[in-house]
Amino acid sequence: MKQKICLLAIGLLGFIVSKANEPISGPEVGKKDEMNGMVIHAESKKPLKDVSVTAILASKKERVVMTEEDGGFSFDELKPGTYKFIFEKSGFRKFTKEKVVIKTDETFQLNIEMIEADDFEIMPSPFNVGGVK
């Protein structure tokens, strides 16, 4: 009887140890310091493709990505810290989001609505041609 209990305990202990050493699967695996989100048109609410998204940490450009067809973007493995994100696309107003804190082993979601630029915002001023006042 003692032999059976001892064998059962050893088998159970082996099972627990083997499960503890298995990699965890699921949506959280591999997500370290990740930041993602979507960019949409403020009026139509449609996703915006090819928006340049720049991550800046301590006044140093860290990384630049472009939004995909569905307006989505992501940064993997950003260094922990406080970032400034700049969103730019031709024909739209530049959008800046400051003081975004990225922490170790956490995912941050940032969704942005961009506004179309007015014609006068895109073209240089005709009143300042050649430095004449």
Protein backbone atom coordinates (compact mmCIF):
# COMPACT_ATOMS: atom_id res chain seq x y z
CA MET A 1 0.00 0.00 0.00
CA LYS A 2 2.81 2.41 0.91
CA GLN A 3 4.50 1.58 -2.42
CA LYS A 4 1.38 2.51 -4.42
CA ILE A 5 0.98 5.82 -2.57
CA CYS A 6 4.65 6.62 -3.04
CA LEU A 7 4.50 5.82 -6.79
CA LEU A 8 1.33 7.87 -7.16
CA ALA A 9 2.96 10.85 -5.36
CA ILE A 10 6.09 10.61 -7.55
CA GLY A 11 3.96 10.42 -10.71
CA LEU A 12 1.88 13.39 -9.64
CA LEU A 13 4.99 15.40 -8.77
CA GLY A 14 6.53 14.57 -12.17
CA PHE A 15 3.35 15.69 -13.94
CA ILE A 16 3.32 19.02 -12.06
CA VAL A 17 6.99 19.68 -12.84
CA SER A 18 6.51 18.88 -16.54
CA LYS A 19 3.51 21.25 -16.77
CA ALA A 20 5.43 24.02 -15.00
CA ASN A 21 8.19 23.85 -17.64
CA GLU A 22 5.84 24.04 -20.65
CA PRO A 23 5.60 27.39 -22.44
CA ILE A 24 2.35 29.22 -21.86
CA SER A 25 0.26 29.61 -24.98
CA GLY A 26 -2.38 32.15 -25.75
CA PRO A 27 -2.72 35.80 -26.75
CA GLU A 28 -0.34 37.18 -24.11
CA VAL A 29 2.69 35.12 -25.16
CA GLY A 30 5.49 37.24 -26.61
CA LYS A 31 3.90 40.57 -25.79
CA LYS A 32 6.56 42.61 -24.08
CA ASP A 33 6.39 46.37 -24.09
CA GLU A 34 3.96 46.38 -27.01
CA MET A 35 1.99 49.35 -28.27
CA ASN A 36 -0.66 49.15 -30.95
CA GLY A 37 -3.75 50.91 -32.18
CA MET A 38 -5.77 52.19 -35.10
CA VAL A 39 -5.94 55.43 -37.07
CA ILE A 40 -9.27 56.47 -38.59
CA HIS A 41 -10.63 59.46 -40.50
CA ALA A 42 -12.33 61.79 -37.98
CA GLU A 43 -15.38 62.46 -40.17
CA SER A 44 -15.97 59.25 -42.14
CA LYS A 45 -14.69 56.93 -39.37
CA LYS A 46 -12.96 54.85 -42.06
CA PRO A 47 -9.47 53.41 -41.42
CA LEU A 48 -6.50 55.38 -42.77
CA LYS A 49 -3.76 53.47 -44.58
CA ASP A 50 -0.11 54.64 -44.85
CA VAL A 51 -0.11 56.98 -41.86
CA SER A 52 3.45 57.44 -40.56
CA VAL A 53 3.59 56.75 -36.81
CA THR A 54 6.81 57.85 -35.08
CA ALA A 55 7.71 56.82 -31.52
CA ILE A 56 10.06 59.23 -29.73
CA LEU A 57 11.64 58.45 -26.36
CA ALA A 58 13.63 61.20 -24.59
CA SER A 59 13.92 63.38 -27.73
CA LYS A 60 15.37 60.47 -29.72
CA LYS A 61 13.48 58.91 -32.63
CA GLU A 62 12.99 55.33 -31.56
CA ARG A 63 11.04 53.77 -34.44
CA VAL A 64 8.67 54.56 -37.32
CA VAL A 65 5.87 52.30 -38.62
CA MET A 66 3.12 52.75 -41.22
CA THR A 67 -0.54 51.91 -40.73
CA GLU A 68 -1.90 48.96 -42.68
CA GLU A 69 -4.99 48.67 -44.91
CA ASP A 70 -7.25 48.41 -41.83
CA GLY A 71 -5.65 51.48 -40.20
CA GLY A 72 -3.86 49.32 -37.64
CA PHE A 73 -0.28 49.74 -36.46
CA SER A 74 1.94 48.21 -33.79
CA PHE A 75 5.31 48.60 -32.14
CA ASP A 76 6.87 45.51 -30.56
CA GLU A 77 9.39 45.55 -27.74
CA LEU A 78 9.62 49.28 -27.11
CA LYS A 79 11.91 50.28 -24.27
CA PRO A 80 9.95 51.19 -21.12
CA GLY A 81 9.53 54.93 -20.70
CA THR A 82 7.46 57.99 -21.58
CA TYR A 83 6.97 58.42 -25.32
CA LYS A 84 5.70 61.01 -27.74
CA PHE A 85 3.89 59.58 -30.79
CA ILE A 86 3.56 61.61 -33.99
CA PHE A 87 0.98 60.68 -36.65
CA GLU A 88 1.48 62.16 -40.15
CA LYS A 89 -0.24 61.69 -43.51
CA SER A 90 -0.34 63.94 -46.54
CA GLY A 91 -3.61 65.88 -46.67
CA PHE A 92 -4.20 65.54 -42.91
CA ARG A 93 -3.26 67.60 -39.87
CA LYS A 94 -0.27 66.25 -37.98
CA PHE A 95 -1.35 64.73 -34.67
CA THR A 96 0.93 64.41 -31.62
CA LYS A 97 0.17 62.37 -28.51
CA GLU A 98 2.59 63.09 -25.66
CA LYS A 99 3.31 61.47 -22.29
CA VAL A 100 2.37 57.92 -23.29
CA VAL A 101 3.87 55.63 -20.65
CA ILE A 102 5.05 52.23 -21.88
CA LYS A 103 5.70 49.72 -19.10
CA THR A 104 7.51 46.39 -19.13
CA ASP A 105 5.31 43.39 -19.96
CA GLU A 106 2.23 45.52 -20.66
CA THR A 107 0.35 46.25 -23.86
CA PHE A 108 -0.82 49.80 -24.59
CA GLN A 109 -3.65 50.60 -27.04
CA LEU A 110 -3.77 54.02 -28.77
CA ASN A 111 -6.59 54.84 -31.22
CA ILE A 112 -6.40 58.12 -33.15
CA GLU A 113 -8.81 60.12 -35.33
CA MET A 114 -7.10 62.34 -37.91
CA ILE A 115 -8.63 65.50 -39.35
CA GLU A 116 -8.19 66.54 -42.98
CA ALA A 117 -6.02 69.62 -43.42
CA ASP A 118 -7.55 72.75 -44.93
CA ASP A 119 -6.05 73.88 -48.24
CA PHE A 120 -4.36 76.86 -46.60
CA GLU A 121 -2.60 74.52 -44.13
CA ILE A 122 -1.03 72.47 -46.92
CA MET A 123 0.23 75.24 -49.21
CA PRO A 124 2.90 77.78 -48.27
CA SER A 125 1.72 81.33 -47.67
CA PRO A 126 1.72 83.50 -50.84
CA PHE A 127 2.48 86.53 -48.64
CA ASN A 128 5.96 85.31 -47.69
CA VAL A 129 7.49 84.72 -51.15
CA GLY A 130 11.25 85.07 -51.23
CA GLY A 131 11.39 86.66 -47.80
CA VAL A 132 9.68 89.88 -49.02
CA LYS A 133 7.60 91.60 -46.35
